[in-house]
Each structure stands twice: as structure tokens, then as C-alpha cells.
Amino acid sequence: MAVTARWRWAGAAICGLWALLALADPLPLTQRDFLVPGSQPGDVDASSFFPPQNCRSCHANTGVDAAPHDSWRGSLMAQAGRDPLFFAQMTTANQDVANVGSYCLR
């Protein structure tokens, strides 16, 4: 009987600690906490990127099975800029920490 009471007390203590942790304030975070060295979003002009046709000259020579150029258009990487789940997650991140979504755009 004493073991059961001891386990109940331990379980209640653990539940109490979890409740305190759930009620605790989250850590105050700023965008500076997520700064990554190197080029930042907006630093590189979009016109400095080559069009995808330039990639074909090298990447299409690997054979039909491995050539990434023709299959890239339908890939998840090509569609990432339109992915509604990506934008939903970025919106959630921006609600947690103001403007941290710029980290997602790297």
C-alpha cells in the first residue's frame, strides 16, 4: 500500500511540474537570435541569376535518367515558392517571433 501512495505522490508531483512548465512564459526571442552569417534575404538582385536554360548545357549531359533539368519543373523544389504549407508554417513562425520568416527564405 505504501508503494502505491508513493507512486501517486510522484505522479502528482510530475503532473504539477508539467503544469508549471506549460504556464511558464516562453523565452523572449528576437530576429537577432536567428541571424545566419552570409548574404541576407534581399542582398542579391534577382536579375543576377541565370535563366534555367543556361543550366541545361551542363546538367542535360548526364543522360535522361539522371538529368535534373527537364524534371526539375515538376519537382518540390521548383514549386516551393507556391507551397501553401510553407507559407502557413512561415506565418506561424512570424507570429512566434516577429519577422523570423526571413530565416525561412534563405
N, C-alpha and C. Protein backbone atom coordinates (compact mmCIF):
# COMPACT_ATOMS: atom_id res chain seq x y z
N MET A 1 0.81 -1.19 0.00
CA MET A 1 0.00 0.00 0.00
C MET A 1 0.86 1.26 0.00
N ALA A 2 1.98 1.23 0.72
CA ALA A 2 2.85 2.39 0.79
C ALA A 2 3.47 2.70 -0.57
N VAL A 3 3.76 1.65 -1.35
CA VAL A 3 4.34 1.86 -2.68
C VAL A 3 3.34 2.58 -3.58
N THR A 4 2.08 2.20 -3.52
CA THR A 4 1.05 2.84 -4.34
C THR A 4 0.90 4.31 -3.98
N ALA A 5 0.89 4.62 -2.70
CA ALA A 5 0.78 6.01 -2.28
C ALA A 5 2.00 6.81 -2.73
N ARG A 6 3.15 6.18 -2.67
CA ARG A 6 4.38 6.86 -3.09
C ARG A 6 4.33 7.15 -4.60
N TRP A 7 3.83 6.19 -5.38
CA TRP A 7 3.72 6.39 -6.83
C TRP A 7 2.70 7.47 -7.16
N ARG A 8 1.62 7.51 -6.41
CA ARG A 8 0.61 8.56 -6.63
C ARG A 8 1.21 9.93 -6.36
N TRP A 9 1.96 10.03 -5.27
CA TRP A 9 2.57 11.31 -4.93
C TRP A 9 3.58 11.72 -6.01
N ALA A 10 4.38 10.76 -6.50
CA ALA A 10 5.36 11.06 -7.54
C ALA A 10 4.66 11.47 -8.84
N GLY A 11 3.58 10.78 -9.17
CA GLY A 11 2.83 11.14 -10.37
C GLY A 11 2.22 12.53 -10.26
N ALA A 12 1.68 12.85 -9.08
CA ALA A 12 1.10 14.18 -8.87
C ALA A 12 2.18 15.25 -8.96
N ALA A 13 3.37 14.96 -8.43
CA ALA A 13 4.46 15.93 -8.49
C ALA A 13 4.90 16.16 -9.93
N ILE A 14 4.99 15.09 -10.69
CA ILE A 14 5.38 15.22 -12.10
C ILE A 14 4.33 16.00 -12.88
N CYS A 15 3.06 15.72 -12.65
CA CYS A 15 1.99 16.47 -13.32
C CYS A 15 2.03 17.94 -12.93
N GLY A 16 2.31 18.20 -11.67
CA GLY A 16 2.41 19.59 -11.21
C GLY A 16 3.55 20.32 -11.89
N LEU A 17 4.69 19.66 -12.03
CA LEU A 17 5.82 20.28 -12.72
C LEU A 17 5.50 20.56 -14.18
N TRP A 18 4.84 19.62 -14.84
CA TRP A 18 4.45 19.83 -16.23
C TRP A 18 3.48 21.00 -16.35
N ALA A 19 2.57 21.12 -15.41
CA ALA A 19 1.62 22.24 -15.43
C ALA A 19 2.35 23.57 -15.26
N LEU A 20 3.33 23.61 -14.36
CA LEU A 20 4.10 24.84 -14.18
C LEU A 20 4.89 25.19 -15.44
N LEU A 21 5.46 24.19 -16.07
CA LEU A 21 6.20 24.44 -17.30
C LEU A 21 5.28 24.93 -18.41
N ALA A 22 4.07 24.40 -18.47
CA ALA A 22 3.12 24.81 -19.51
C ALA A 22 2.67 26.25 -19.30
N LEU A 23 2.60 26.68 -18.05
CA LEU A 23 2.15 28.04 -17.75
C LEU A 23 3.29 29.05 -17.80
N ALA A 24 4.51 28.58 -17.81
CA ALA A 24 5.65 29.49 -17.82
C ALA A 24 5.68 30.29 -19.11
N ASP A 25 6.20 31.49 -19.03
CA ASP A 25 6.33 32.33 -20.22
C ASP A 25 7.39 31.75 -21.14
N PRO A 26 7.17 31.82 -22.46
CA PRO A 26 8.20 31.35 -23.38
C PRO A 26 9.40 32.30 -23.35
N LEU A 27 10.52 31.82 -23.82
CA LEU A 27 11.72 32.65 -23.86
C LEU A 27 11.49 33.82 -24.80
N PRO A 28 11.90 35.01 -24.41
CA PRO A 28 11.76 36.15 -25.33
C PRO A 28 12.80 36.05 -26.44
N LEU A 29 12.34 35.86 -27.66
CA LEU A 29 13.23 35.71 -28.80
C LEU A 29 13.09 36.90 -29.73
N THR A 30 14.16 37.25 -30.38
CA THR A 30 14.14 38.30 -31.39
C THR A 30 14.71 37.74 -32.68
N GLN A 31 14.62 38.51 -33.75
CA GLN A 31 15.14 38.06 -35.03
C GLN A 31 16.66 37.88 -34.96
N ARG A 32 17.31 38.63 -34.10
CA ARG A 32 18.76 38.53 -33.96
C ARG A 32 19.19 37.13 -33.49
N ASP A 33 18.30 36.44 -32.77
CA ASP A 33 18.61 35.08 -32.31
C ASP A 33 18.71 34.09 -33.47
N PHE A 34 18.20 34.46 -34.63
CA PHE A 34 18.17 33.56 -35.78
C PHE A 34 19.05 34.06 -36.92
N LEU A 35 19.93 35.00 -36.64
CA LEU A 35 20.79 35.57 -37.67
C LEU A 35 21.80 34.54 -38.15
N VAL A 36 21.88 34.37 -39.44
CA VAL A 36 22.82 33.44 -40.05
C VAL A 36 23.82 34.29 -40.83
N PRO A 37 25.12 34.05 -40.66
CA PRO A 37 26.09 34.86 -41.39
C PRO A 37 25.99 34.62 -42.90
N GLY A 38 26.50 35.55 -43.64
CA GLY A 38 26.48 35.44 -45.09
C GLY A 38 25.46 36.39 -45.69
N SER A 39 25.10 36.16 -46.94
CA SER A 39 24.14 37.04 -47.60
C SER A 39 22.77 36.91 -46.94
N GLN A 40 22.10 38.02 -46.82
CA GLN A 40 20.79 38.07 -46.19
C GLN A 40 19.72 38.16 -47.27
N PRO A 41 18.47 37.82 -46.95
CA PRO A 41 17.40 37.94 -47.94
C PRO A 41 17.33 39.37 -48.47
N GLY A 42 17.29 39.49 -49.78
CA GLY A 42 17.21 40.80 -50.42
C GLY A 42 18.57 41.37 -50.79
N ASP A 43 19.68 40.75 -50.33
CA ASP A 43 21.01 41.25 -50.67
C ASP A 43 21.38 41.00 -52.12
N VAL A 44 20.88 39.92 -52.70
CA VAL A 44 21.24 39.54 -54.07
C VAL A 44 20.10 39.92 -55.00
N ASP A 45 20.44 40.65 -56.04
CA ASP A 45 19.44 41.07 -57.02
C ASP A 45 19.00 39.86 -57.84
N ALA A 46 17.71 39.68 -58.01
CA ALA A 46 17.18 38.51 -58.72
C ALA A 46 17.65 38.48 -60.17
N SER A 47 17.96 39.62 -60.75
CA SER A 47 18.40 39.64 -62.15
C SER A 47 19.81 39.06 -62.31
N SER A 48 20.53 38.85 -61.21
CA SER A 48 21.89 38.29 -61.31
C SER A 48 21.88 36.77 -61.48
N PHE A 49 20.72 36.14 -61.33
CA PHE A 49 20.63 34.69 -61.52
C PHE A 49 20.45 34.38 -63.01
N PHE A 50 21.08 33.30 -63.43
CA PHE A 50 20.95 32.87 -64.82
C PHE A 50 19.60 32.19 -65.03
N PRO A 51 19.04 32.26 -66.24
CA PRO A 51 17.80 31.53 -66.51
C PRO A 51 18.07 30.02 -66.53
N PRO A 52 17.06 29.20 -66.29
CA PRO A 52 17.28 27.76 -66.22
C PRO A 52 17.82 27.14 -67.50
N GLN A 53 17.61 27.79 -68.63
CA GLN A 53 18.12 27.24 -69.88
C GLN A 53 19.65 27.16 -69.86
N ASN A 54 20.29 28.05 -69.13
CA ASN A 54 21.76 28.01 -69.03
C ASN A 54 22.22 26.76 -68.29
N CYS A 55 21.42 26.24 -67.38
CA CYS A 55 21.80 25.05 -66.61
C CYS A 55 21.78 23.80 -67.49
N ARG A 56 20.93 23.83 -68.51
CA ARG A 56 20.76 22.66 -69.36
C ARG A 56 22.07 22.28 -70.06
N SER A 57 22.88 23.26 -70.40
CA SER A 57 24.10 22.96 -71.15
C SER A 57 25.00 21.98 -70.41
N CYS A 58 25.02 22.00 -69.10
CA CYS A 58 25.84 21.03 -68.33
C CYS A 58 25.01 19.89 -67.77
N HIS A 59 23.86 20.21 -67.22
CA HIS A 59 23.10 19.21 -66.48
C HIS A 59 22.29 18.26 -67.36
N ALA A 60 22.11 18.56 -68.63
CA ALA A 60 21.37 17.66 -69.51
C ALA A 60 22.28 16.60 -70.12
N ASN A 61 23.57 16.71 -69.91
CA ASN A 61 24.52 15.76 -70.50
C ASN A 61 24.72 14.52 -69.65
N THR A 62 23.98 14.37 -68.57
CA THR A 62 24.16 13.22 -67.69
C THR A 62 23.29 12.04 -68.09
N GLY A 63 22.48 12.19 -69.11
CA GLY A 63 21.60 11.11 -69.53
C GLY A 63 20.18 11.37 -69.07
N VAL A 64 19.23 10.77 -69.75
CA VAL A 64 17.81 11.02 -69.48
C VAL A 64 17.42 10.63 -68.06
N ASP A 65 17.97 9.54 -67.54
CA ASP A 65 17.59 9.06 -66.21
C ASP A 65 18.07 9.97 -65.09
N ALA A 66 19.17 10.67 -65.31
CA ALA A 66 19.75 11.47 -64.23
C ALA A 66 19.71 12.97 -64.50
N ALA A 67 19.28 13.39 -65.67
CA ALA A 67 19.29 14.82 -65.99
C ALA A 67 18.26 15.56 -65.15
N PRO A 68 18.69 16.48 -64.31
CA PRO A 68 17.75 17.17 -63.45
C PRO A 68 17.00 18.31 -64.13
N HIS A 69 17.47 18.74 -65.29
CA HIS A 69 16.89 19.95 -65.89
C HIS A 69 15.43 19.79 -66.28
N ASP A 70 15.12 18.73 -67.03
CA ASP A 70 13.74 18.58 -67.53
C ASP A 70 12.76 18.20 -66.43
N SER A 71 13.21 17.44 -65.45
CA SER A 71 12.29 17.01 -64.39
C SER A 71 12.17 18.03 -63.26
N TRP A 72 13.04 19.04 -63.24
CA TRP A 72 13.05 20.00 -62.15
C TRP A 72 11.75 20.81 -62.08
N ARG A 73 11.17 21.13 -63.22
CA ARG A 73 9.97 21.97 -63.25
C ARG A 73 8.83 21.41 -62.43
N GLY A 74 8.72 20.11 -62.36
CA GLY A 74 7.64 19.49 -61.59
C GLY A 74 8.05 19.05 -60.20
N SER A 75 9.28 19.36 -59.81
CA SER A 75 9.77 18.89 -58.51
C SER A 75 9.26 19.77 -57.37
N LEU A 76 9.41 19.27 -56.15
CA LEU A 76 9.01 20.04 -54.97
C LEU A 76 9.86 21.29 -54.82
N MET A 77 11.14 21.22 -55.21
CA MET A 77 11.99 22.41 -55.11
C MET A 77 11.49 23.51 -56.04
N ALA A 78 11.07 23.14 -57.23
CA ALA A 78 10.59 24.14 -58.18
C ALA A 78 9.29 24.78 -57.71
N GLN A 79 8.47 24.02 -57.00
CA GLN A 79 7.16 24.51 -56.57
C GLN A 79 7.19 25.11 -55.16
N ALA A 80 8.35 25.14 -54.51
CA ALA A 80 8.43 25.58 -53.12
C ALA A 80 7.93 27.01 -52.93
N GLY A 81 8.12 27.85 -53.92
CA GLY A 81 7.67 29.24 -53.81
C GLY A 81 6.16 29.39 -53.84
N ARG A 82 5.43 28.34 -54.16
CA ARG A 82 3.96 28.39 -54.19
C ARG A 82 3.32 27.48 -53.16
N ASP A 83 4.11 26.80 -52.37
CA ASP A 83 3.61 25.79 -51.44
C ASP A 83 2.81 26.44 -50.31
N PRO A 84 1.50 26.17 -50.21
CA PRO A 84 0.70 26.79 -49.16
C PRO A 84 1.12 26.34 -47.76
N LEU A 85 1.61 25.12 -47.62
CA LEU A 85 2.06 24.66 -46.31
C LEU A 85 3.29 25.44 -45.86
N PHE A 86 4.20 25.72 -46.78
CA PHE A 86 5.38 26.52 -46.46
C PHE A 86 4.97 27.90 -45.95
N PHE A 87 4.04 28.54 -46.65
CA PHE A 87 3.62 29.88 -46.24
C PHE A 87 2.84 29.85 -44.92
N ALA A 88 2.09 28.78 -44.68
CA ALA A 88 1.38 28.66 -43.41
C ALA A 88 2.37 28.51 -42.26
N GLN A 89 3.39 27.68 -42.45
CA GLN A 89 4.40 27.50 -41.40
C GLN A 89 5.20 28.77 -41.18
N MET A 90 5.49 29.50 -42.26
CA MET A 90 6.22 30.74 -42.12
C MET A 90 5.38 31.78 -41.38
N THR A 91 4.08 31.80 -41.64
CA THR A 91 3.19 32.71 -40.92
C THR A 91 3.17 32.38 -39.43
N THR A 92 3.11 31.09 -39.11
CA THR A 92 3.15 30.68 -37.70
C THR A 92 4.46 31.10 -37.05
N ALA A 93 5.56 30.91 -37.75
CA ALA A 93 6.86 31.32 -37.21
C ALA A 93 6.91 32.82 -36.98
N ASN A 94 6.36 33.61 -37.92
CA ASN A 94 6.34 35.06 -37.75
C ASN A 94 5.46 35.49 -36.59
N GLN A 95 4.46 34.71 -36.26
CA GLN A 95 3.62 35.04 -35.10
C GLN A 95 4.36 34.74 -33.80
N ASP A 96 5.23 33.73 -33.83
CA ASP A 96 6.02 33.40 -32.63
C ASP A 96 7.12 34.42 -32.39
N VAL A 97 7.85 34.77 -33.43
CA VAL A 97 8.93 35.75 -33.36
C VAL A 97 8.79 36.67 -34.56
N ALA A 98 8.67 37.95 -34.32
CA ALA A 98 8.43 38.90 -35.41
C ALA A 98 9.53 38.81 -36.47
N ASN A 99 9.12 38.66 -37.72
CA ASN A 99 9.98 38.67 -38.91
C ASN A 99 11.01 37.55 -38.96
N VAL A 100 10.82 36.49 -38.20
CA VAL A 100 11.78 35.37 -38.27
C VAL A 100 11.60 34.58 -39.56
N GLY A 101 10.53 34.83 -40.28
CA GLY A 101 10.30 34.15 -41.55
C GLY A 101 11.39 34.43 -42.57
N SER A 102 12.14 35.51 -42.39
CA SER A 102 13.24 35.77 -43.32
C SER A 102 14.28 34.66 -43.23
N TYR A 103 14.36 33.98 -42.09
CA TYR A 103 15.25 32.82 -41.96
C TYR A 103 14.79 31.69 -42.87
N CYS A 104 13.47 31.57 -43.06
CA CYS A 104 12.93 30.51 -43.92
C CYS A 104 13.21 30.79 -45.39
N LEU A 105 13.50 32.01 -45.73
CA LEU A 105 13.69 32.39 -47.13
C LEU A 105 15.13 32.23 -47.59
N ARG A 106 15.98 31.71 -46.76
CA ARG A 106 17.40 31.54 -47.12
C ARG A 106 17.59 30.32 -47.95
